[in-house]
C-alpha atoms as a PDB file:
ATOM      1  CA  MET A   1     -55.905   5.539   7.828  1.00  0.00           C
ATOM      2  CA  SER A   2     -52.966   6.858  10.203  1.00  0.00           C
ATOM      3  CA  ALA A   3     -52.969   6.577  14.051  1.00  0.00           C
ATOM      4  CA  PRO A   4     -54.945   9.530  15.654  1.00  0.00           C
ATOM      5  CA  GLU A   5     -51.859  10.605  17.790  1.00  0.00           C
ATOM      6  CA  PRO A   6     -48.481   9.329  16.667  1.00  0.00           C
ATOM      7  CA  ASP A   7     -46.091   8.612  19.584  1.00  0.00           C
ATOM      8  CA  LEU A   8     -43.097  10.163  18.170  1.00  0.00           C
ATOM      9  CA  GLU A   9     -41.167   8.971  21.145  1.00  0.00           C
ATOM     10  CA  THR A  10     -41.832   5.461  20.634  1.00  0.00           C
ATOM     11  CA  ALA A  11     -41.270   5.593  16.980  1.00  0.00           C
ATOM     12  CA  LYS A  12     -37.637   7.026  17.625  1.00  0.00           C
ATOM     13  CA  ARG A  13     -36.758   4.317  20.023  1.00  0.00           C
ATOM     14  CA  ARG A  14     -38.167   1.751  17.104  1.00  0.00           C
ATOM     15  CA  HIS A  15     -36.309   3.156  14.390  1.00  0.00           C
ATOM     16  CA  LYS A  16     -32.807   3.862  16.184  1.00  0.00           C
ATOM     17  CA  GLY A  17     -31.448   0.580  15.588  1.00  0.00           C
ATOM     18  CA  PRO A  18     -32.318   0.536  11.924  1.00  0.00           C
ATOM     19  CA  LEU A  19     -30.684   3.904  11.135  1.00  0.00           C
ATOM     20  CA  ILE A  20     -27.774   3.268  12.796  1.00  0.00           C
ATOM     21  CA  GLY A  21     -27.268  -0.183  10.811  1.00  0.00           C
ATOM     22  CA  ILE A  22     -28.028   2.403   7.769  1.00  0.00           C
ATOM     23  CA  ALA A  23     -25.363   4.765   8.637  1.00  0.00           C
ATOM     24  CA  LEU A  24     -22.890   2.171   9.360  1.00  0.00           C
ATOM     25  CA  ALA A  25     -23.289   0.599   5.853  1.00  0.00           C
ATOM     26  CA  VAL A  26     -22.939   3.864   4.272  1.00  0.00           C
ATOM     27  CA  VAL A  27     -19.507   4.514   6.091  1.00  0.00           C
ATOM     28  CA  PHE A  28     -18.419   1.146   5.279  1.00  0.00           C
ATOM     29  CA  ALA A  29     -19.427   1.743   1.395  1.00  0.00           C
ATOM     30  CA  SER A  30     -17.558   4.831   1.575  1.00  0.00           C
ATOM     31  CA  VAL A  31     -14.402   3.257   2.998  1.00  0.00           C
ATOM     32  CA  LEU A  32     -14.656   0.714   0.321  1.00  0.00           C
ATOM     33  CA  LEU A  33     -14.891   3.463  -2.174  1.00  0.00           C
ATOM     34  CA  VAL A  34     -11.819   5.287  -1.147  1.00  0.00           C
ATOM     35  CA  ALA A  35      -9.990   2.179  -0.886  1.00  0.00           C
ATOM     36  CA  LEU A  36     -10.730   1.062  -4.296  1.00  0.00           C
ATOM     37  CA  LEU A  37      -9.761   4.583  -5.809  1.00  0.00           C
ATOM     38  CA  LEU A  38      -6.525   4.597  -4.120  1.00  0.00           C
ATOM     39  CA  TRP A  39      -5.662   1.113  -5.353  1.00  0.00           C
ATOM     40  CA  LEU A  40      -6.575   1.969  -8.731  1.00  0.00           C
ATOM     41  CA  GLY A  41      -4.536   5.203  -8.167  1.00  0.00           C
ATOM     42  CA  TYR A  42      -1.674   3.076  -7.062  1.00  0.00           C
ATOM     43  CA  LEU A  43      -1.982   0.623 -10.152  1.00  0.00           C
ATOM     44  CA  GLY A  44      -2.163   3.338 -12.672  1.00  0.00           C
ATOM     45  CA  ASN A  45      -0.167   3.076 -15.837  1.00  0.00           C
ATOM     46  CA  GLU A  46       3.212   4.672 -15.175  1.00  0.00           C
ATOM     47  CA  PRO A  47       4.572   6.874 -17.887  1.00  0.00           C
ATOM     48  CA  GLY A  48       6.772   4.530 -20.252  1.00  0.00           C
ATOM     49  CA  ASN A  49       4.865   1.595 -19.041  1.00  0.00           C
ATOM     50  CA  GLU A  50       2.781   1.609 -22.527  1.00  0.00           C
ATOM     51  CA  ALA A  51       0.819  -1.388 -23.666  1.00  0.00           C
ATOM     52  CA  PRO A  52       2.137  -3.463 -26.325  1.00  0.00           C
ATOM     53  CA  GLN A  53       1.096  -2.697 -29.836  1.00  0.00           C
ATOM     54  CA  ILE A  54      -0.441  -5.545 -31.608  1.00  0.00           C
ATOM     55  CA  ASP A  55      -0.666  -6.042 -35.275  1.00  0.00           C
ATOM     56  CA  GLY A  56      -3.869  -6.466 -36.561  1.00  0.00           C
ATOM     57  CA  ARG A  57      -2.876  -8.403 -39.492  1.00  0.00           C
ATOM     58  CA  THR A  58      -0.189 -10.576 -38.192  1.00  0.00           C
ATOM     59  CA  GLY A  59      -0.861 -10.640 -34.673  1.00  0.00           C
ATOM     60  CA  ALA A  60       2.525 -10.039 -33.713  1.00  0.00           C
ATOM     61  CA  GLU A  61       3.809  -7.523 -31.284  1.00  0.00           C
ATOM     62  CA  GLU A  62       5.239  -4.248 -33.022  1.00  0.00           C
ATOM     63  CA  GLN A  63       8.374  -2.454 -31.856  1.00  0.00           C
ATOM     64  CA  THR A  64       7.921   0.826 -30.001  1.00  0.00           C
ATOM     65  CA  ASP A  65      10.972   3.299 -29.822  1.00  0.00           C
ATOM     66  CA  GLY A  66       9.837   3.927 -25.942  1.00  0.00           C
ATOM     67  CA  SER A  67       8.972   7.686 -26.293  1.00  0.00           C
END
């Protein structure tokens, strides 16, 4: 059963701290996401830096022509 007359001003005052904390957590997570995307973009595979090709039969690295 709900309260007969909710006191909105008291509820606003009580929820102010948690709402600020949630907002700060969302901002922090957004900053971390942007930093991760920038870091992954910076470490991306440059053209010409191909991964070595491994021969499945022998396990030796195959020679590539570089193109």
